[in-house]
Protein backbone atom coordinates (compact mmCIF):
# COMPACT_ATOMS: atom_id res chain seq x y z
CA MET A 1 -17.47 -8.56 -16.64
CA LEU A 2 -18.96 -5.08 -16.34
CA GLN A 3 -19.67 -3.94 -12.80
CA LEU A 4 -21.96 -1.01 -12.19
CA GLN A 5 -21.06 1.42 -9.47
CA SER A 6 -23.84 2.56 -7.21
CA THR A 7 -24.13 5.16 -4.53
CA ILE A 8 -24.47 4.34 -0.87
CA GLU A 9 -28.10 5.52 -1.01
CA GLU A 10 -28.87 3.13 -3.87
CA GLN A 11 -27.30 0.24 -1.98
CA LEU A 12 -29.29 1.14 1.14
CA ILE A 13 -32.53 1.34 -0.85
CA LEU A 14 -31.98 -2.08 -2.43
CA ARG A 15 -31.14 -3.62 0.93
CA ALA A 16 -34.19 -2.05 2.57
CA ILE A 17 -36.46 -3.30 -0.22
CA LYS A 18 -35.07 -6.83 0.04
CA GLU A 19 -35.60 -6.77 3.80
CA GLU A 20 -39.06 -5.17 3.39
CA CYS A 21 -38.21 -2.40 5.84
CA CYS A 22 -40.92 -0.03 6.95
CA TRP A 23 -40.36 3.74 6.77
CA GLU A 24 -39.71 4.07 10.49
CA SER A 25 -36.86 1.56 10.41
CA LEU A 26 -35.04 3.16 7.47
CA PRO A 27 -31.79 4.96 8.25
CA LYS A 28 -32.23 8.74 8.57
CA ARG A 29 -29.81 9.20 5.67
CA LEU A 30 -32.09 7.17 3.44
CA GLN A 31 -35.26 8.90 4.66
CA ALA A 32 -33.68 12.26 3.78
CA SER A 33 -32.97 11.14 0.21
CA LEU A 34 -36.53 9.84 -0.32
CA ASN A 35 -38.45 12.92 0.89
CA THR A 36 -41.68 11.23 2.03
CA LYS A 37 -43.13 8.04 3.41
CA ASP A 38 -45.49 7.89 0.41
CA GLU A 39 -42.55 8.00 -2.00
CA TRP A 40 -40.97 5.07 -0.16
CA HIS A 41 -44.19 3.08 -0.39
CA ARG A 42 -44.64 3.84 -4.11
CA SER A 43 -41.06 2.86 -4.93
CA ASN A 44 -41.44 -0.40 -3.00
CA VAL A 45 -44.65 -1.31 -4.80
CA ALA A 46 -43.15 -0.47 -8.20
CA ILE A 47 -39.93 -2.41 -7.65
CA VAL A 48 -41.64 -5.44 -6.14
CA GLY A 49 -43.99 -5.43 -9.14
CA LEU A 50 -41.02 -5.45 -11.50
CA LEU A 51 -39.34 -8.26 -9.60
CA ASP A 52 -42.48 -10.40 -9.68
CA ALA A 53 -42.96 -9.95 -13.45
């Protein structure tokens, strides 16, 4: 079975999305990789939309 490797940031993002974390509760390391609160919100909306489809 093929396993995809992911970075720590990707794993943190997926975990935060699953837990529906708000920007303020994200780890500083993750906030630094996302740039802005708006970017976090947009990525959440987009990914949740894909998961619901």
